[in-house]
Structures are given as structure tokens and as C-alpha cells.
Amino acid sequence: MLENYLPILLFIIIGIGFGIMPMLAGFVLGPRRPDDEKLSPYECGFEPFEDAHAKFDVRYYLVAILFIIFDLEIAFLFPWAVVLDDIGGFGLVAMFIFLGILVVGFIYEWMKGALEWE
């Protein structure tokens, strides 16, 4: 029974090896020539002026939720529209339930003021 899983185990080990070996080769064989520009703080061009663990405004998260709402709607609406004739009334009801859940999220965004840009 367990011998059936041997090819899967070998595939996983080889896949992990193919992922790790290039990183190790770059770490071992790569040149190490640090200079002031490479050691400077990130790409922004100036020293950090605040703590990196500062809290974000909730509007960032609301915009992220808004993006997910519209992204999911479009991602599922087009394939559903293509196969609507094949799935019939059940697919129509399921899509209305899905869109209803998305509308609840949209109303939440609206009430929290995420659609009002400053």
C-alpha cells in the first residue's frame, strides 16, 4: 500500500530540491561586495522617520475589501454568463445568492465611508 505513495514522495523531494538548489547556488557562488548604496535603507531614498510597526488607517483595509468584492464579482460573473444556458435555474439562483452576499459587503463599505475619497 505505501509503495504506491513512493512516486509522489519522490516528486515532492525533487520539486523541493529544484526550488532550493538555485537559491543555495546563488548564496554560495554569488559575489559579496557591499557598498554604501546597497546597505542604504530600502529604495525610498531617505532614512525611515517612523516606526515600521505603526498602525494603518482602516481605510486601507476597506479599499482592499472593496477590491476583493469587485474582483470576485467579475471573476465569477463572466464564466457564469457563458454557461448560464447549461446550468439553468439552479445557476441563476446560486448567482443571485452570491451577488447578494457581495452587495452586503458593498453596503458595509458604503456605510464605513470607503467610497468617499479625501
N, C-alpha and C. Protein backbone atom coordinates (compact mmCIF):
# COMPACT_ATOMS: atom_id res chain seq x y z
N MET A 1 0.82 -1.19 0.00
CA MET A 1 0.00 0.00 0.00
C MET A 1 0.86 1.26 0.00
N LEU A 2 1.85 1.34 0.89
CA LEU A 2 2.68 2.52 0.98
C LEU A 2 3.59 2.69 -0.23
N GLU A 3 3.88 1.58 -0.92
CA GLU A 3 4.73 1.70 -2.12
C GLU A 3 4.05 2.49 -3.23
N ASN A 4 2.74 2.66 -3.17
CA ASN A 4 2.02 3.48 -4.15
C ASN A 4 2.33 4.96 -3.98
N TYR A 5 2.71 5.34 -2.77
CA TYR A 5 3.00 6.74 -2.48
C TYR A 5 4.45 7.13 -2.74
N LEU A 6 5.31 6.16 -3.05
CA LEU A 6 6.72 6.44 -3.29
C LEU A 6 6.94 7.40 -4.45
N PRO A 7 6.26 7.25 -5.60
CA PRO A 7 6.46 8.24 -6.68
C PRO A 7 6.05 9.65 -6.27
N ILE A 8 5.00 9.77 -5.47
CA ILE A 8 4.56 11.10 -5.01
C ILE A 8 5.61 11.70 -4.08
N LEU A 9 6.16 10.88 -3.17
CA LEU A 9 7.19 11.36 -2.27
C LEU A 9 8.44 11.78 -3.04
N LEU A 10 8.84 11.00 -4.03
CA LEU A 10 9.99 11.37 -4.86
C LEU A 10 9.73 12.66 -5.62
N PHE A 11 8.53 12.82 -6.14
CA PHE A 11 8.18 14.04 -6.87
C PHE A 11 8.26 15.25 -5.96
N ILE A 12 7.78 15.13 -4.73
CA ILE A 12 7.84 16.24 -3.78
C ILE A 12 9.29 16.57 -3.43
N ILE A 13 10.10 15.54 -3.17
CA ILE A 13 11.50 15.78 -2.82
C ILE A 13 12.25 16.43 -3.98
N ILE A 14 12.03 15.97 -5.20
CA ILE A 14 12.70 16.56 -6.37
C ILE A 14 12.21 17.98 -6.59
N GLY A 15 10.93 18.25 -6.40
CA GLY A 15 10.40 19.60 -6.56
C GLY A 15 11.00 20.57 -5.54
N ILE A 16 11.09 20.12 -4.30
CA ILE A 16 11.71 20.97 -3.27
C ILE A 16 13.18 21.20 -3.61
N GLY A 17 13.84 20.16 -4.09
CA GLY A 17 15.25 20.30 -4.48
C GLY A 17 15.44 21.31 -5.60
N PHE A 18 14.57 21.26 -6.60
CA PHE A 18 14.66 22.23 -7.70
C PHE A 18 14.37 23.66 -7.22
N GLY A 19 13.61 23.81 -6.16
CA GLY A 19 13.35 25.14 -5.63
C GLY A 19 14.47 25.65 -4.75
N ILE A 20 15.10 24.76 -4.00
CA ILE A 20 16.12 25.18 -3.04
C ILE A 20 17.51 25.28 -3.68
N MET A 21 17.83 24.42 -4.61
CA MET A 21 19.19 24.39 -5.18
C MET A 21 19.60 25.71 -5.85
N PRO A 22 18.77 26.37 -6.66
CA PRO A 22 19.21 27.66 -7.23
C PRO A 22 19.45 28.73 -6.16
N MET A 23 18.64 28.72 -5.11
CA MET A 23 18.86 29.69 -4.04
C MET A 23 20.18 29.43 -3.33
N LEU A 24 20.47 28.17 -3.04
CA LEU A 24 21.73 27.84 -2.39
C LEU A 24 22.92 28.16 -3.29
N ALA A 25 22.78 27.87 -4.59
CA ALA A 25 23.87 28.16 -5.52
C ALA A 25 24.13 29.66 -5.59
N GLY A 26 23.09 30.47 -5.61
CA GLY A 26 23.27 31.92 -5.62
C GLY A 26 23.88 32.42 -4.34
N PHE A 27 23.51 31.83 -3.22
CA PHE A 27 24.06 32.25 -1.93
C PHE A 27 25.53 31.88 -1.81
N VAL A 28 25.87 30.67 -2.25
CA VAL A 28 27.25 30.19 -2.12
C VAL A 28 28.17 30.81 -3.17
N LEU A 29 27.71 30.89 -4.41
CA LEU A 29 28.57 31.33 -5.50
C LEU A 29 28.47 32.81 -5.81
N GLY A 30 27.48 33.50 -5.27
CA GLY A 30 27.27 34.90 -5.58
C GLY A 30 28.32 35.80 -4.96
N PRO A 31 28.65 36.91 -5.65
CA PRO A 31 29.65 37.83 -5.10
C PRO A 31 29.09 38.61 -3.92
N ARG A 32 29.96 38.93 -2.99
CA ARG A 32 29.58 39.73 -1.83
C ARG A 32 30.43 40.99 -1.82
N ARG A 33 29.88 42.04 -2.42
CA ARG A 33 30.58 43.32 -2.48
C ARG A 33 29.66 44.42 -1.97
N PRO A 34 29.46 44.50 -0.66
CA PRO A 34 28.56 45.54 -0.15
C PRO A 34 29.20 46.93 -0.27
N ASP A 35 28.38 47.89 -0.60
CA ASP A 35 28.83 49.28 -0.61
C ASP A 35 27.75 50.13 0.06
N ASP A 36 27.97 51.42 0.13
CA ASP A 36 27.02 52.29 0.83
C ASP A 36 25.63 52.26 0.21
N GLU A 37 25.57 52.18 -1.11
CA GLU A 37 24.27 52.19 -1.77
C GLU A 37 23.49 50.91 -1.51
N LYS A 38 24.17 49.78 -1.50
CA LYS A 38 23.48 48.52 -1.22
C LYS A 38 23.03 48.43 0.23
N LEU A 39 23.75 49.06 1.12
CA LEU A 39 23.41 49.00 2.54
C LEU A 39 22.46 50.12 2.97
N SER A 40 22.07 50.99 2.05
CA SER A 40 21.16 52.08 2.38
C SER A 40 19.76 51.54 2.66
N PRO A 41 18.94 52.30 3.39
CA PRO A 41 17.60 51.80 3.76
C PRO A 41 16.66 51.76 2.58
N TYR A 42 16.40 50.59 2.10
CA TYR A 42 15.44 50.28 1.05
C TYR A 42 15.60 51.16 -0.18
N GLU A 43 14.51 51.45 -0.88
CA GLU A 43 14.59 52.18 -2.15
C GLU A 43 14.01 53.58 -2.07
N CYS A 44 13.57 53.99 -0.91
CA CYS A 44 12.82 55.24 -0.81
C CYS A 44 13.72 56.47 -0.91
N GLY A 45 15.03 56.35 -0.63
CA GLY A 45 15.93 57.46 -0.79
C GLY A 45 16.14 58.29 0.45
N PHE A 46 15.45 57.98 1.55
CA PHE A 46 15.67 58.73 2.79
C PHE A 46 15.57 57.77 3.96
N GLU A 47 16.11 58.21 5.07
CA GLU A 47 16.08 57.39 6.28
C GLU A 47 14.64 57.25 6.78
N PRO A 48 14.31 56.12 7.36
CA PRO A 48 12.96 55.97 7.91
C PRO A 48 12.71 56.96 9.03
N PHE A 49 11.53 57.53 9.06
CA PHE A 49 11.21 58.55 10.05
C PHE A 49 10.17 58.10 11.06
N GLU A 50 9.59 56.91 10.88
CA GLU A 50 8.61 56.39 11.83
C GLU A 50 8.91 54.94 12.13
N ASP A 51 8.21 54.42 13.10
CA ASP A 51 8.32 53.02 13.43
C ASP A 51 7.69 52.19 12.32
N ALA A 52 8.30 51.07 11.98
CA ALA A 52 7.77 50.22 10.92
C ALA A 52 6.49 49.52 11.34
N HIS A 53 6.20 49.48 12.62
CA HIS A 53 5.02 48.78 13.12
C HIS A 53 3.88 49.75 13.44
N ALA A 54 3.85 50.89 12.78
CA ALA A 54 2.78 51.85 13.00
C ALA A 54 1.47 51.30 12.45
N LYS A 55 0.37 51.64 13.09
CA LYS A 55 -0.93 51.15 12.64
C LYS A 55 -1.37 51.90 11.39
N PHE A 56 -1.96 51.15 10.47
CA PHE A 56 -2.50 51.75 9.26
C PHE A 56 -3.91 52.25 9.52
N ASP A 57 -4.30 53.23 8.75
CA ASP A 57 -5.67 53.71 8.82
C ASP A 57 -6.60 52.61 8.30
N VAL A 58 -7.76 52.51 8.87
CA VAL A 58 -8.69 51.45 8.49
C VAL A 58 -9.14 51.59 7.03
N ARG A 59 -9.01 52.78 6.44
CA ARG A 59 -9.41 52.96 5.05
C ARG A 59 -8.61 52.09 4.09
N TYR A 60 -7.36 51.78 4.43
CA TYR A 60 -6.57 50.90 3.57
C TYR A 60 -7.21 49.52 3.49
N TYR A 61 -7.67 49.03 4.63
CA TYR A 61 -8.31 47.72 4.65
C TYR A 61 -9.66 47.75 3.96
N LEU A 62 -10.38 48.85 4.09
CA LEU A 62 -11.67 48.96 3.42
C LEU A 62 -11.50 48.98 1.91
N VAL A 63 -10.47 49.65 1.44
CA VAL A 63 -10.21 49.66 -0.01
C VAL A 63 -9.84 48.26 -0.48
N ALA A 64 -9.09 47.52 0.34
CA ALA A 64 -8.74 46.15 -0.02
C ALA A 64 -10.00 45.28 -0.10
N ILE A 65 -10.91 45.45 0.85
CA ILE A 65 -12.17 44.69 0.81
C ILE A 65 -12.98 45.07 -0.43
N LEU A 66 -13.00 46.35 -0.75
CA LEU A 66 -13.72 46.80 -1.93
C LEU A 66 -13.15 46.18 -3.20
N PHE A 67 -11.82 46.13 -3.30
CA PHE A 67 -11.19 45.49 -4.45
C PHE A 67 -11.58 44.03 -4.55
N ILE A 68 -11.57 43.32 -3.42
CA ILE A 68 -11.92 41.91 -3.43
C ILE A 68 -13.37 41.72 -3.86
N ILE A 69 -14.26 42.59 -3.41
CA ILE A 69 -15.67 42.49 -3.79
C ILE A 69 -15.82 42.57 -5.31
N PHE A 70 -15.24 43.61 -5.91
CA PHE A 70 -15.41 43.77 -7.35
C PHE A 70 -14.60 42.76 -8.15
N ASP A 71 -13.46 42.36 -7.64
CA ASP A 71 -12.65 41.37 -8.32
C ASP A 71 -13.36 40.02 -8.36
N LEU A 72 -13.93 39.61 -7.23
CA LEU A 72 -14.66 38.35 -7.19
C LEU A 72 -15.89 38.39 -8.07
N GLU A 73 -16.54 39.51 -8.07
CA GLU A 73 -17.75 39.62 -8.88
C GLU A 73 -17.43 39.41 -10.36
N ILE A 74 -16.41 40.08 -10.85
CA ILE A 74 -16.05 39.95 -12.26
C ILE A 74 -15.49 38.57 -12.56
N ALA A 75 -14.69 38.02 -11.64
CA ALA A 75 -14.06 36.72 -11.87
C ALA A 75 -15.11 35.61 -12.00
N PHE A 76 -16.21 35.72 -11.29
CA PHE A 76 -17.24 34.67 -11.35
C PHE A 76 -18.38 35.00 -12.29
N LEU A 77 -18.58 36.25 -12.62
CA LEU A 77 -19.73 36.64 -13.43
C LEU A 77 -19.56 36.24 -14.90
N PHE A 78 -18.37 36.41 -15.45
CA PHE A 78 -18.17 36.08 -16.86
C PHE A 78 -18.30 34.58 -17.15
N PRO A 79 -17.62 33.69 -16.40
CA PRO A 79 -17.82 32.26 -16.68
C PRO A 79 -19.26 31.81 -16.45
N TRP A 80 -19.91 32.40 -15.44
CA TRP A 80 -21.30 32.05 -15.18
C TRP A 80 -22.18 32.45 -16.35
N ALA A 81 -21.93 33.62 -16.93
CA ALA A 81 -22.74 34.08 -18.06
C ALA A 81 -22.55 33.19 -19.28
N VAL A 82 -21.37 32.62 -19.43
CA VAL A 82 -21.10 31.76 -20.60
C VAL A 82 -21.87 30.46 -20.49
N VAL A 83 -21.98 29.89 -19.30
CA VAL A 83 -22.62 28.58 -19.13
C VAL A 83 -24.03 28.68 -18.54
N LEU A 84 -24.63 29.84 -18.58
CA LEU A 84 -25.95 30.01 -17.97
C LEU A 84 -27.00 29.10 -18.60
N ASP A 85 -26.95 28.89 -19.91
CA ASP A 85 -27.92 28.01 -20.56
C ASP A 85 -27.79 26.57 -20.08
N ASP A 86 -26.56 26.15 -19.76
CA ASP A 86 -26.34 24.76 -19.35
C ASP A 86 -26.74 24.51 -17.89
N ILE A 87 -26.57 25.48 -17.01
CA ILE A 87 -26.84 25.25 -15.60
C ILE A 87 -28.27 25.59 -15.20
N GLY A 88 -28.95 26.37 -15.99
CA GLY A 88 -30.37 26.63 -15.79
C GLY A 88 -30.71 27.45 -14.56
N GLY A 89 -31.88 27.14 -13.99
CA GLY A 89 -32.42 27.92 -12.88
C GLY A 89 -31.59 27.82 -11.61
N PHE A 90 -31.00 26.65 -11.37
CA PHE A 90 -30.16 26.49 -10.18
C PHE A 90 -28.98 27.45 -10.22
N GLY A 91 -28.34 27.58 -11.37
CA GLY A 91 -27.22 28.50 -11.51
C GLY A 91 -27.65 29.95 -11.36
N LEU A 92 -28.85 30.27 -11.83
CA LEU A 92 -29.36 31.62 -11.70
C LEU A 92 -29.59 31.97 -10.23
N VAL A 93 -30.20 31.06 -9.48
CA VAL A 93 -30.45 31.29 -8.06
C VAL A 93 -29.12 31.37 -7.29
N ALA A 94 -28.19 30.48 -7.62
CA ALA A 94 -26.89 30.50 -6.93
C ALA A 94 -26.15 31.81 -7.18
N MET A 95 -26.23 32.34 -8.39
CA MET A 95 -25.55 33.59 -8.69
C MET A 95 -26.23 34.76 -7.98
N PHE A 96 -27.56 34.73 -7.86
CA PHE A 96 -28.24 35.80 -7.12
C PHE A 96 -27.85 35.77 -5.65
N ILE A 97 -27.69 34.58 -5.07
CA ILE A 97 -27.23 34.48 -3.68
C ILE A 97 -25.82 35.03 -3.56
N PHE A 98 -24.95 34.67 -4.49
CA PHE A 98 -23.57 35.16 -4.49
C PHE A 98 -23.54 36.68 -4.62
N LEU A 99 -24.31 37.22 -5.55
CA LEU A 99 -24.34 38.67 -5.71
C LEU A 99 -24.96 39.36 -4.50
N GLY A 100 -25.91 38.71 -3.84
CA GLY A 100 -26.48 39.27 -2.62
C GLY A 100 -25.45 39.39 -1.52
N ILE A 101 -24.60 38.37 -1.38
CA ILE A 101 -23.52 38.43 -0.38
C ILE A 101 -22.57 39.56 -0.72
N LEU A 102 -22.24 39.74 -2.00
CA LEU A 102 -21.36 40.83 -2.40
C LEU A 102 -22.00 42.19 -2.17
N VAL A 103 -23.29 42.28 -2.35
CA VAL A 103 -23.99 43.56 -2.10
C VAL A 103 -23.94 43.90 -0.62
N VAL A 104 -24.02 42.90 0.25
CA VAL A 104 -23.90 43.16 1.69
C VAL A 104 -22.52 43.74 1.99
N GLY A 105 -21.46 43.18 1.37
CA GLY A 105 -20.13 43.74 1.55
C GLY A 105 -20.01 45.14 0.99
N PHE A 106 -20.64 45.39 -0.14
CA PHE A 106 -20.62 46.72 -0.74
C PHE A 106 -21.33 47.73 0.15
N ILE A 107 -22.45 47.35 0.73
CA ILE A 107 -23.18 48.25 1.63
C ILE A 107 -22.35 48.54 2.87
N TYR A 108 -21.64 47.53 3.37
CA TYR A 108 -20.75 47.75 4.51
C TYR A 108 -19.68 48.77 4.16
N GLU A 109 -19.09 48.64 2.98
CA GLU A 109 -18.08 49.61 2.53
C GLU A 109 -18.68 51.01 2.43
N TRP A 110 -19.87 51.10 1.90
CA TRP A 110 -20.53 52.39 1.73
C TRP A 110 -20.78 53.05 3.08
N MET A 111 -21.29 52.25 4.05
CA MET A 111 -21.60 52.79 5.36
C MET A 111 -20.34 53.22 6.12
N LYS A 112 -19.22 52.55 5.89
CA LYS A 112 -17.97 52.90 6.56
C LYS A 112 -17.27 54.09 5.88
N GLY A 113 -17.77 54.53 4.73
CA GLY A 113 -17.21 55.70 4.08
C GLY A 113 -16.01 55.42 3.19
N ALA A 114 -15.84 54.18 2.77
CA ALA A 114 -14.68 53.85 1.93
C ALA A 114 -14.82 54.41 0.52
N LEU A 115 -16.02 54.77 0.14
CA LEU A 115 -16.22 55.30 -1.22
C LEU A 115 -16.07 56.83 -1.26
N GLU A 116 -15.86 57.44 -0.12
CA GLU A 116 -15.69 58.89 -0.07
C GLU A 116 -14.20 59.19 0.00
N TRP A 117 -13.64 59.68 -1.10
CA TRP A 117 -12.21 59.95 -1.17
C TRP A 117 -11.93 61.38 -0.67
N GLU A 118 -10.84 61.51 0.02
CA GLU A 118 -10.47 62.81 0.57
C GLU A 118 -9.40 63.46 -0.27
